[in-house]
N, C-alpha and C. Protein backbone atom coordinates (compact mmCIF):
# COMPACT_ATOMS: atom_id res chain seq x y z
N MET A 1 -154.09 87.30 46.65
CA MET A 1 -154.84 86.56 46.59
C MET A 1 -154.57 85.64 47.78
N THR A 2 -155.35 84.83 48.37
CA THR A 2 -155.06 83.85 49.40
C THR A 2 -155.61 82.68 48.76
N ASP A 3 -155.37 81.57 49.78
CA ASP A 3 -156.23 80.25 49.46
C ASP A 3 -157.66 80.06 49.48
N ASP A 4 -158.29 81.05 50.06
CA ASP A 4 -159.56 81.23 50.25
C ASP A 4 -160.02 81.80 49.31
N ASP A 5 -159.59 82.74 48.13
CA ASP A 5 -159.81 83.24 46.90
C ASP A 5 -160.17 82.54 46.19
N PRO A 6 -161.12 82.58 45.51
CA PRO A 6 -162.21 81.40 44.41
C PRO A 6 -161.34 81.98 43.29
N ALA A 7 -160.54 82.75 43.06
CA ALA A 7 -159.54 82.69 42.02
C ALA A 7 -158.69 82.33 41.66
N THR A 8 -158.28 81.70 42.76
CA THR A 8 -156.85 80.71 42.51
C THR A 8 -157.20 79.52 42.47
N THR A 9 -156.53 78.61 41.96
CA THR A 9 -156.58 76.97 41.76
C THR A 9 -156.05 76.45 43.07
N PRO A 10 -156.50 75.56 43.67
CA PRO A 10 -155.49 74.96 44.48
C PRO A 10 -154.32 74.00 43.96
N GLN A 11 -153.76 73.72 44.29
CA GLN A 11 -152.46 73.09 43.75
C GLN A 11 -153.22 71.65 43.66
N ALA A 12 -153.61 70.88 44.29
CA ALA A 12 -154.38 69.63 44.25
C ALA A 12 -155.10 69.54 42.76
N ASP A 13 -156.06 70.56 42.66
CA ASP A 13 -156.77 70.68 41.75
C ASP A 13 -156.40 71.10 40.11
N ILE A 14 -154.89 71.13 40.25
CA ILE A 14 -154.13 71.31 38.70
C ILE A 14 -154.03 70.03 37.90
N ASP A 15 -154.41 70.31 37.02
CA ASP A 15 -154.27 68.91 36.00
C ASP A 15 -152.75 68.19 35.89
N ASP A 16 -152.69 66.96 36.22
CA ASP A 16 -151.20 66.35 35.66
C ASP A 16 -150.83 66.52 34.22
N GLY A 17 -151.91 66.74 33.32
CA GLY A 17 -151.23 66.76 32.21
C GLY A 17 -150.87 67.97 31.86
N LEU A 18 -152.00 69.10 32.20
CA LEU A 18 -151.46 70.68 32.25
C LEU A 18 -150.05 70.70 32.80
N VAL A 19 -149.88 70.32 33.77
CA VAL A 19 -148.37 70.66 34.30
C VAL A 19 -147.40 70.07 33.80
N ASP A 20 -147.80 68.54 33.16
CA ASP A 20 -146.45 67.94 32.34
C ASP A 20 -146.31 69.06 30.86
N ALA A 21 -147.30 69.47 30.17
CA ALA A 21 -147.53 70.11 29.28
C ALA A 21 -146.30 71.45 29.30
N ILE A 22 -146.75 71.81 30.54
CA ILE A 22 -145.97 73.31 31.08
C ILE A 22 -144.24 72.94 31.15
N ALA A 23 -144.18 71.98 31.91
CA ALA A 23 -142.92 71.52 31.84
C ALA A 23 -142.20 71.34 30.97
N LEU A 24 -142.98 70.93 30.12
CA LEU A 24 -141.98 69.89 28.73
C LEU A 24 -141.85 71.24 27.86
N GLU A 25 -142.92 71.95 27.73
CA GLU A 25 -142.13 73.66 27.33
C GLU A 25 -140.95 74.33 27.71
N ILE A 26 -141.12 74.25 29.12
CA ILE A 26 -139.72 74.97 29.96
C ILE A 26 -138.81 74.06 29.73
N ALA A 27 -138.58 72.76 29.62
CA ALA A 27 -137.68 72.12 29.12
C ALA A 27 -137.36 72.56 27.67
N ARG A 28 -138.03 72.36 27.07
CA ARG A 28 -137.80 72.66 25.74
C ARG A 28 -137.02 74.21 25.63
N LEU A 29 -137.60 74.91 26.21
CA LEU A 29 -137.53 76.61 26.06
C LEU A 29 -135.82 76.46 26.72
N THR A 30 -135.67 76.09 27.56
CA THR A 30 -134.07 75.70 28.43
C THR A 30 -132.87 74.89 27.55
N LYS A 31 -133.73 73.96 26.78
CA LYS A 31 -132.48 73.77 25.85
C LYS A 31 -132.36 74.21 24.51
N LEU A 32 -133.01 74.45 24.17
CA LEU A 32 -133.08 75.90 23.23
C LEU A 32 -132.39 77.00 23.29
N ARG A 33 -132.32 76.93 24.74
CA ARG A 33 -131.56 78.65 24.91
C ARG A 33 -130.13 78.50 24.99
N ASP A 34 -129.89 76.93 25.77
CA ASP A 34 -128.63 76.42 25.99
C ASP A 34 -127.63 76.13 24.83
N ARG A 35 -128.51 75.43 23.67
CA ARG A 35 -127.75 75.15 22.66
C ARG A 35 -127.71 76.35 21.77
N THR A 36 -128.68 77.42 22.01
CA THR A 36 -128.39 79.11 21.32
C THR A 36 -127.42 79.49 21.74
N ASN A 37 -127.01 79.33 23.06
CA ASN A 37 -125.93 80.42 23.55
C ASN A 37 -124.33 79.33 23.39
N ALA A 38 -124.80 78.13 23.22
CA ALA A 38 -123.29 77.37 22.98
C ALA A 38 -123.06 77.90 21.51
N GLN A 39 -124.16 77.74 20.79
CA GLN A 39 -123.64 78.14 19.67
C GLN A 39 -123.33 79.56 18.99
N ILE A 40 -123.49 80.41 19.91
CA ILE A 40 -123.28 81.70 20.33
C ILE A 40 -121.19 81.62 20.34
N ALA A 41 -121.37 81.15 21.50
CA ALA A 41 -120.15 80.84 21.91
C ALA A 41 -118.88 80.39 20.86
N ALA A 42 -119.56 79.47 20.46
CA ALA A 42 -118.90 78.67 19.12
C ALA A 42 -118.62 79.64 18.10
N LEU A 43 -119.91 80.42 17.60
CA LEU A 43 -119.09 81.38 16.35
C LEU A 43 -118.88 82.60 16.75
N THR A 44 -118.68 82.76 18.03
CA THR A 44 -117.60 84.12 18.22
C THR A 44 -116.36 83.44 19.19
N GLU A 45 -115.82 82.21 18.72
CA GLU A 45 -114.81 81.71 19.45
C GLU A 45 -114.56 81.96 20.74
N GLY A 46 -115.98 82.02 21.36
CA GLY A 46 -115.55 82.32 23.11
C GLY A 46 -115.55 83.66 23.10
N GLU A 47 -115.87 84.58 22.31
CA GLU A 47 -115.76 85.90 22.86
C GLU A 47 -116.89 86.26 23.55
N ILE A 48 -117.81 85.85 23.07
CA ILE A 48 -119.41 86.21 23.47
C ILE A 48 -119.93 84.78 24.65
N GLU A 49 -119.69 85.07 25.78
CA GLU A 49 -120.05 83.87 26.92
C GLU A 49 -121.69 84.69 27.01
N PRO A 50 -122.66 84.32 26.64
CA PRO A 50 -123.73 84.72 27.02
C PRO A 50 -124.23 85.29 28.44
N ALA A 51 -123.93 83.95 29.33
CA ALA A 51 -123.92 84.12 30.70
C ALA A 51 -123.33 85.43 31.39
N ALA A 52 -121.85 85.75 30.98
CA ALA A 52 -121.47 86.35 31.46
C ALA A 52 -122.27 87.88 31.00
N TYR A 53 -123.04 87.77 30.11
CA TYR A 53 -123.54 89.15 30.10
C TYR A 53 -124.73 89.80 31.32
N ALA A 54 -125.39 88.75 31.86
CA ALA A 54 -126.10 88.70 32.89
C ALA A 54 -125.44 90.01 33.72
N ILE A 55 -124.43 89.73 34.36
CA ILE A 55 -123.37 90.28 35.25
C ILE A 55 -123.77 92.17 34.57
N LEU A 56 -123.52 92.46 33.35
CA LEU A 56 -123.47 93.86 32.95
C LEU A 56 -125.11 94.40 33.36
N PHE A 57 -126.03 93.59 32.73
CA PHE A 57 -127.30 94.12 32.69
C PHE A 57 -127.60 94.12 34.35
N GLN A 58 -127.03 93.36 34.80
CA GLN A 58 -127.48 93.51 36.86
C GLN A 58 -126.45 94.63 37.25
N LEU A 59 -125.54 95.09 37.05
CA LEU A 59 -124.66 95.95 36.97
C LEU A 59 -125.59 97.26 36.65
N ILE A 60 -126.09 97.34 35.73
CA ILE A 60 -126.56 98.22 34.97
C ILE A 60 -128.00 98.86 35.45
N HIS A 61 -128.55 98.08 35.83
CA HIS A 61 -130.00 98.14 36.57
C HIS A 61 -129.78 98.23 38.03
N THR A 62 -128.84 97.81 38.88
CA THR A 62 -128.67 97.94 39.99
C THR A 62 -127.51 98.73 40.82
N GLY A 63 -126.71 99.06 39.55
CA GLY A 63 -125.26 99.76 40.21
C GLY A 63 -124.31 99.00 40.72
N PRO A 64 -123.23 99.78 41.11
CA PRO A 64 -121.99 98.78 41.78
C PRO A 64 -122.25 97.97 43.00
N LYS A 65 -121.94 96.86 42.72
CA LYS A 65 -122.05 95.62 43.46
C LYS A 65 -120.37 94.95 43.79
N ARG A 66 -120.78 94.51 45.22
CA ARG A 66 -119.91 93.45 45.70
C ARG A 66 -119.59 91.97 44.50
N SER A 67 -118.90 91.09 44.47
CA SER A 67 -118.75 90.08 43.90
C SER A 67 -120.08 88.72 44.21
N GLY A 68 -119.66 89.01 45.57
CA GLY A 68 -120.68 88.10 46.51
C GLY A 68 -122.12 88.39 46.40
N ALA A 69 -122.54 89.65 46.57
CA ALA A 69 -123.92 90.46 46.34
C ALA A 69 -124.25 89.86 45.06
N LEU A 70 -123.36 89.94 43.64
CA LEU A 70 -123.45 89.85 42.88
C LEU A 70 -124.23 88.28 42.32
N ALA A 71 -123.31 87.65 42.80
CA ALA A 71 -123.30 86.13 42.67
C ALA A 71 -124.63 85.71 43.01
N GLU A 72 -125.31 86.34 44.68
CA GLU A 72 -126.42 86.37 44.98
C GLU A 72 -127.67 86.29 44.35
N ALA A 73 -127.36 87.64 43.69
CA ALA A 73 -128.31 88.47 42.83
C ALA A 73 -128.43 87.78 41.62
N LEU A 74 -127.61 86.84 40.85
CA LEU A 74 -127.25 86.39 39.65
C LEU A 74 -128.06 85.04 39.95
N TYR A 75 -128.38 84.61 41.55
CA TYR A 75 -128.32 83.14 41.87
C TYR A 75 -127.27 81.98 41.05
N SER A 76 -126.07 82.36 41.43
CA SER A 76 -124.78 82.05 40.89
C SER A 76 -123.85 81.56 41.50
N ASP A 77 -123.05 80.69 41.65
CA ASP A 77 -121.83 80.36 42.43
C ASP A 77 -120.86 81.48 42.57
N ALA A 78 -119.93 81.58 43.51
CA ALA A 78 -119.33 82.77 43.67
C ALA A 78 -117.61 82.40 42.49
N SER A 79 -117.47 81.02 42.05
CA SER A 79 -116.41 80.69 41.33
C SER A 79 -117.16 81.05 40.18
N THR A 80 -118.11 80.83 39.76
CA THR A 80 -118.67 81.26 38.34
C THR A 80 -118.69 82.75 37.97
N VAL A 81 -119.15 83.13 38.76
CA VAL A 81 -119.29 84.82 39.27
C VAL A 81 -117.80 85.23 38.85
N SER A 82 -116.90 84.99 39.63
CA SER A 82 -115.72 85.37 39.77
C SER A 82 -114.69 85.31 38.63
N ARG A 83 -115.35 84.00 37.68
CA ARG A 83 -114.75 83.56 36.34
C ARG A 83 -115.01 84.52 35.10
N GLN A 84 -116.42 85.24 35.16
CA GLN A 84 -117.06 85.77 34.20
C GLN A 84 -116.45 87.11 34.40
N VAL A 85 -116.51 87.88 35.82
CA VAL A 85 -116.05 88.75 36.15
C VAL A 85 -114.76 89.14 35.56
N ALA A 86 -113.65 88.13 35.46
CA ALA A 86 -112.20 88.43 35.38
C ALA A 86 -112.38 88.48 34.04
N SER A 87 -113.25 87.67 33.07
CA SER A 87 -112.94 88.34 31.56
C SER A 87 -113.64 89.51 31.50
N LEU A 88 -114.86 89.66 31.80
CA LEU A 88 -115.09 91.18 31.68
C LEU A 88 -114.41 92.19 32.00
N VAL A 89 -113.49 91.87 33.32
CA VAL A 89 -112.59 93.06 33.28
C VAL A 89 -111.48 92.96 32.76
N LYS A 90 -111.18 91.97 31.90
CA LYS A 90 -109.91 91.71 30.95
C LYS A 90 -110.25 92.54 29.65
N ARG A 91 -111.49 92.39 29.55
CA ARG A 91 -111.83 92.90 27.97
C ARG A 91 -112.72 94.60 28.60
N GLY A 92 -112.45 95.02 29.58
CA GLY A 92 -112.54 96.62 29.86
C GLY A 92 -114.24 96.83 29.98
N LEU A 93 -115.03 95.86 30.32
CA LEU A 93 -116.77 95.75 30.24
C LEU A 93 -116.84 96.30 31.88
N ILE A 94 -116.09 95.80 32.64
CA ILE A 94 -116.56 96.11 33.86
C ILE A 94 -115.26 96.75 34.80
N GLU A 95 -115.10 97.17 35.83
CA GLU A 95 -113.89 97.71 36.49
C GLU A 95 -114.51 97.58 37.97
N ARG A 96 -113.41 97.06 38.93
CA ARG A 96 -113.23 97.22 39.98
C ARG A 96 -112.68 98.55 40.80
N ARG A 97 -113.43 98.74 41.53
CA ARG A 97 -113.52 100.18 41.96
C ARG A 97 -113.06 100.03 44.12
N ALA A 98 -112.94 100.73 44.41
CA ALA A 98 -112.88 100.96 46.21
C ALA A 98 -114.69 101.12 46.41
N ASP A 99 -114.79 100.23 47.27
CA ASP A 99 -116.04 100.29 47.79
C ASP A 99 -116.22 101.50 48.57
N PRO A 100 -117.28 102.83 48.39
CA PRO A 100 -117.30 103.83 49.21
C PRO A 100 -117.80 103.66 50.23
N ALA A 101 -118.49 102.56 50.54
CA ALA A 101 -118.76 102.64 51.93
C ALA A 101 -118.03 101.64 53.14
N ASP A 102 -117.20 101.07 52.42
CA ASP A 102 -115.71 100.24 52.98
C ASP A 102 -114.63 100.48 52.53
N GLY A 103 -113.62 101.42 52.02
CA GLY A 103 -112.65 101.02 50.86
C GLY A 103 -111.93 100.11 51.38
N ARG A 104 -111.68 99.31 52.06
CA ARG A 104 -111.17 98.01 52.05
C ARG A 104 -111.49 96.94 51.24
N VAL A 105 -112.62 97.26 50.61
CA VAL A 105 -113.38 96.00 49.53
C VAL A 105 -113.66 96.84 48.59
N SER A 106 -113.65 95.88 47.22
CA SER A 106 -114.05 96.45 46.15
C SER A 106 -115.24 96.07 45.82
N VAL A 107 -116.03 96.84 44.73
CA VAL A 107 -117.50 96.72 44.11
C VAL A 107 -116.96 96.63 42.32
N LEU A 108 -117.90 95.66 41.86
CA LEU A 108 -117.59 95.84 40.49
C LEU A 108 -118.49 96.94 39.70
N ASP A 109 -118.12 98.06 38.55
CA ASP A 109 -119.29 98.61 37.96
C ASP A 109 -119.14 98.50 36.55
N VAL A 110 -119.99 99.34 35.58
CA VAL A 110 -120.12 99.22 34.66
C VAL A 110 -118.99 99.85 33.89
N THR A 111 -118.33 99.53 32.65
CA THR A 111 -117.36 100.95 32.27
C THR A 111 -118.14 101.48 31.20
N ASP A 112 -117.79 102.54 30.52
CA ASP A 112 -118.36 103.17 29.38
C ASP A 112 -118.80 102.15 28.35
N ALA A 113 -117.41 101.72 27.98
CA ALA A 113 -117.13 100.43 27.15
C ALA A 113 -118.26 99.04 27.39
N GLY A 114 -118.34 99.02 28.69
CA GLY A 114 -119.64 98.08 28.71
C GLY A 114 -121.02 98.20 28.81
N ARG A 115 -120.92 99.38 28.55
CA ARG A 115 -122.27 99.83 28.75
C ARG A 115 -122.98 100.08 27.22
N ALA A 116 -121.90 100.56 26.12
CA ALA A 116 -122.05 100.36 24.57
C ALA A 116 -122.45 99.05 24.43
N VAL A 117 -121.44 98.48 25.01
CA VAL A 117 -121.50 96.88 24.43
C VAL A 117 -122.81 96.17 24.96
N ALA A 118 -123.63 96.46 26.10
CA ALA A 118 -124.79 96.23 26.84
C ALA A 118 -125.94 96.94 25.62
N ALA A 119 -125.74 98.07 25.31
CA ALA A 119 -126.69 98.46 24.74
C ALA A 119 -127.00 97.81 23.01
N GLN A 120 -125.67 97.39 22.72
CA GLN A 120 -125.98 96.46 21.45
C GLN A 120 -126.31 95.08 21.57
N ILE A 121 -125.90 94.59 22.82
CA ILE A 121 -127.06 93.15 23.44
C ILE A 121 -128.32 93.58 23.46
N ARG A 122 -128.60 94.54 23.90
CA ARG A 122 -129.95 94.63 24.08
C ARG A 122 -130.75 94.96 22.96
N ALA A 123 -130.26 95.90 22.03
CA ALA A 123 -130.96 95.90 20.82
C ALA A 123 -130.86 94.45 20.01
N ARG A 124 -130.07 93.95 19.84
CA ARG A 124 -130.19 92.23 19.30
C ARG A 124 -130.77 91.78 19.78
N ARG A 125 -130.81 91.69 21.19
CA ARG A 125 -131.64 90.72 21.97
C ARG A 125 -133.07 90.95 21.57
N ASN A 126 -133.50 92.35 21.77
CA ASN A 126 -134.89 92.70 21.69
C ASN A 126 -135.47 92.59 20.00
N ASP A 127 -134.69 92.89 19.02
CA ASP A 127 -134.96 92.69 17.63
C ASP A 127 -135.61 91.13 17.56
N SER A 128 -134.67 90.16 18.19
CA SER A 128 -134.82 88.54 18.05
C SER A 128 -136.33 88.52 18.66
N LEU A 129 -136.56 89.24 19.98
CA LEU A 129 -138.00 88.81 20.65
C LEU A 129 -139.11 89.37 19.89
N ARG A 130 -139.06 90.82 19.16
CA ARG A 130 -139.75 91.11 18.61
C ARG A 130 -140.31 90.15 17.12
N GLN A 131 -138.94 89.54 16.69
CA GLN A 131 -139.21 89.00 15.61
C GLN A 131 -140.40 87.12 16.16
N MET A 132 -140.22 86.96 17.41
CA MET A 132 -140.40 85.83 18.05
C MET A 132 -141.94 86.39 18.27
N LEU A 133 -142.10 87.37 18.72
CA LEU A 133 -143.53 87.69 19.24
C LEU A 133 -144.54 88.51 18.06
N ARG A 134 -144.14 88.43 16.84
CA ARG A 134 -144.43 89.20 15.69
C ARG A 134 -146.09 88.32 15.61
N GLY A 135 -147.06 89.09 15.21
CA GLY A 135 -148.24 88.52 15.25
C GLY A 135 -149.13 88.72 16.39
N TRP A 136 -148.27 88.89 17.50
CA TRP A 136 -149.08 88.99 19.03
C TRP A 136 -150.02 90.21 18.91
N THR A 137 -150.72 90.44 19.52
CA THR A 137 -151.71 91.40 19.88
C THR A 137 -151.11 92.27 21.34
N PRO A 138 -151.32 93.72 21.15
CA PRO A 138 -150.79 94.09 22.48
C PRO A 138 -151.29 93.41 23.54
N GLU A 139 -152.55 93.23 23.73
CA GLU A 139 -153.23 92.60 24.88
C GLU A 139 -152.64 91.40 25.07
N GLU A 140 -152.14 90.75 23.98
CA GLU A 140 -151.59 89.27 24.44
C GLU A 140 -150.03 89.36 25.08
N LEU A 141 -149.34 90.27 24.54
CA LEU A 141 -148.02 90.80 24.68
C LEU A 141 -148.52 91.04 26.44
N ASP A 142 -148.93 91.90 26.75
CA ASP A 142 -149.17 92.48 28.20
C ASP A 142 -149.46 91.61 28.42
N THR A 143 -150.69 90.40 28.68
CA THR A 143 -150.93 89.29 29.62
C THR A 143 -149.91 88.49 29.45
N PHE A 144 -149.27 88.01 28.55
CA PHE A 144 -147.71 87.21 28.38
C PHE A 144 -146.91 87.79 29.53
N SER A 145 -146.43 88.99 29.32
CA SER A 145 -145.69 89.61 30.36
C SER A 145 -146.16 89.30 31.62
N ASN A 146 -147.34 89.86 31.90
CA ASN A 146 -147.79 89.65 33.28
C ASN A 146 -147.71 87.83 33.78
N GLN A 147 -148.30 87.36 33.08
CA GLN A 147 -148.17 85.70 33.34
C GLN A 147 -146.80 85.08 33.67
N LEU A 148 -145.97 85.93 32.90
CA LEU A 148 -144.31 84.95 32.92
C LEU A 148 -143.84 85.79 33.81
N ARG A 149 -144.37 87.08 34.39
CA ARG A 149 -143.87 87.56 35.79
C ARG A 149 -144.35 86.91 36.88
N ARG A 150 -145.37 86.50 36.71
CA ARG A 150 -145.85 85.79 37.84
C ARG A 150 -145.51 84.59 37.88
N PHE A 151 -145.16 83.69 36.93
CA PHE A 151 -144.66 82.68 37.17
C PHE A 151 -143.38 82.46 37.39
N VAL A 152 -142.52 83.66 36.98
CA VAL A 152 -141.01 83.41 37.75
C VAL A 152 -141.02 83.71 38.82
N ASP A 153 -142.13 84.81 39.46
CA ASP A 153 -141.88 84.97 41.00
C ASP A 153 -142.85 83.97 41.39
N GLY A 154 -143.31 83.34 41.09
CA GLY A 154 -143.41 81.76 41.88
C GLY A 154 -142.53 80.96 41.84
N TYR A 155 -141.84 80.82 41.01
CA TYR A 155 -140.57 80.17 41.02
C TYR A 155 -139.59 80.24 42.25
N GLU A 156 -139.25 81.80 41.82
CA GLU A 156 -138.62 82.31 42.71
C GLU A 156 -138.82 81.83 44.45
N GLU A 157 -140.34 82.40 44.70
CA GLU A 157 -140.47 82.28 46.15
C GLU A 157 -140.75 80.45 46.48
N SER A 158 -140.79 79.84 45.51
CA SER A 158 -140.67 78.30 45.90
C SER A 158 -139.36 77.59 45.98
N ARG A 159 -138.70 78.11 45.25
CA ARG A 159 -137.55 77.38 45.17
C ARG A 159 -136.50 76.59 46.15
N GLN A 160 -136.89 77.90 47.24
CA GLN A 160 -135.93 77.43 48.54
C GLN A 160 -137.09 76.43 49.03
N ARG A 161 -138.16 75.90 48.91
CA ARG A 161 -139.04 75.18 49.84
C ARG A 161 -138.53 73.80 48.50
N MET A 162 -138.19 73.86 47.49
CA MET A 162 -137.96 72.84 46.46
C MET A 162 -136.71 72.21 46.93
N LEU A 163 -135.59 73.28 47.32
CA LEU A 163 -134.62 72.43 47.70
C LEU A 163 -134.36 72.10 48.52
N ALA A 164 -135.36 72.43 50.34
CA ALA A 164 -135.18 72.13 51.62
C ALA A 164 -135.73 70.42 50.94
N ASP A 165 -136.66 70.39 50.49
CA ASP A 165 -137.56 69.20 50.29
C ASP A 165 -136.32 68.37 49.53
N LEU A 166 -136.10 68.52 48.82
CA LEU A 166 -134.97 67.44 48.02
C LEU A 166 -133.77 67.25 49.11
N ALA A 167 -133.12 68.29 49.81
CA ALA A 167 -132.38 68.05 50.58
C ALA A 167 -132.52 67.08 51.72
N ALA A 168 -133.92 67.02 52.29
CA ALA A 168 -134.36 66.37 53.21
C ALA A 168 -134.65 64.67 53.04
N HIS A 169 -134.05 64.36 51.65
CA HIS A 169 -134.30 63.10 51.18
C HIS A 169 -132.74 62.92 50.86
N LYS A 170 -132.14 62.15 51.57
CA LYS A 170 -130.82 61.64 51.19
C LYS A 170 -130.63 60.91 50.37
N ASP A 171 -132.03 59.60 50.48
CA ASP A 171 -131.73 58.61 49.51
C ASP A 171 -132.43 59.42 48.20
N LEU A 172 -131.77 59.77 47.62
CA LEU A 172 -132.48 60.23 46.15
C LEU A 172 -132.84 59.34 45.36
N GLN A 173 -132.40 58.29 45.13
CA GLN A 173 -132.76 57.40 44.28
C GLN A 173 -134.36 56.76 44.56
N SER A 174 -134.51 56.85 45.94
CA SER A 174 -135.96 56.48 46.67
C SER A 174 -136.92 57.23 46.13
N TYR A 175 -136.69 58.55 46.17
CA TYR A 175 -137.60 60.13 46.18
C TYR A 175 -137.61 60.01 44.69
N TYR A 176 -136.83 59.71 43.98
CA TYR A 176 -137.04 59.69 42.26
C TYR A 176 -137.36 58.39 41.66
N ALA A 177 -137.52 57.26 42.60
CA ALA A 177 -138.08 56.16 42.20
C ALA A 177 -139.03 56.07 41.32
N PRO A 178 -139.69 55.43 40.27
CA PRO A 178 -140.95 55.42 39.52
C PRO A 178 -142.01 54.70 40.59
N ALA A 179 -143.32 55.00 40.30
CA ALA A 179 -144.22 54.82 40.85
C ALA A 179 -144.18 53.03 40.77
N GLU A 180 -144.49 52.07 41.38
CA GLU A 180 -144.80 50.63 40.88
C GLU A 180 -145.89 50.98 40.40
N LYS A 181 -146.05 49.66 39.56
CA LYS A 181 -146.84 49.59 38.68
C LYS A 181 -147.87 48.39 39.00
N ASN A 182 -149.26 48.92 38.70
CA ASN A 182 -150.09 47.60 39.35
C ASN A 182 -150.93 47.30 38.03
N SER A 183 -150.16 46.70 37.35
CA SER A 183 -151.01 45.84 36.20
C SER A 183 -150.88 44.33 36.23
């Protein structure tokens, strides 16, 4: 779709109240997810760090990767990925191997034990999602899946612009200062 396409809504035509409602639900979901992950970590005495398992799934879906490429693919910083990788290597879920393209560097790959753990996590995750989505029609699920993908794609496309805009405002307090009240 293009800006000339009548099926698209121009940015300025989106009601602030609707945008606020969407932002509220995103914040609510983020907080719920963060709290749940913290509770999982506490219940498992730190044995399960949910964010680290994103590494397993990324490697399963894309194959062996260098650590830097993995951090980039996960939108994470190298030090965080390095710490998580060390934990997964220690547990025998991933391993370091010589890069077939350049034996001087290593790539990370999932072990058989890692694939088994990922399968268990996937089954639990899918069971939880099925419970959340119980009562939705197949058409609603299809629409939600497509719209969510579209939303995440839009976020991914606009994030660099958001970051550049924010970086351009060195005085962040004025950037985020509340609008003056006219009362």
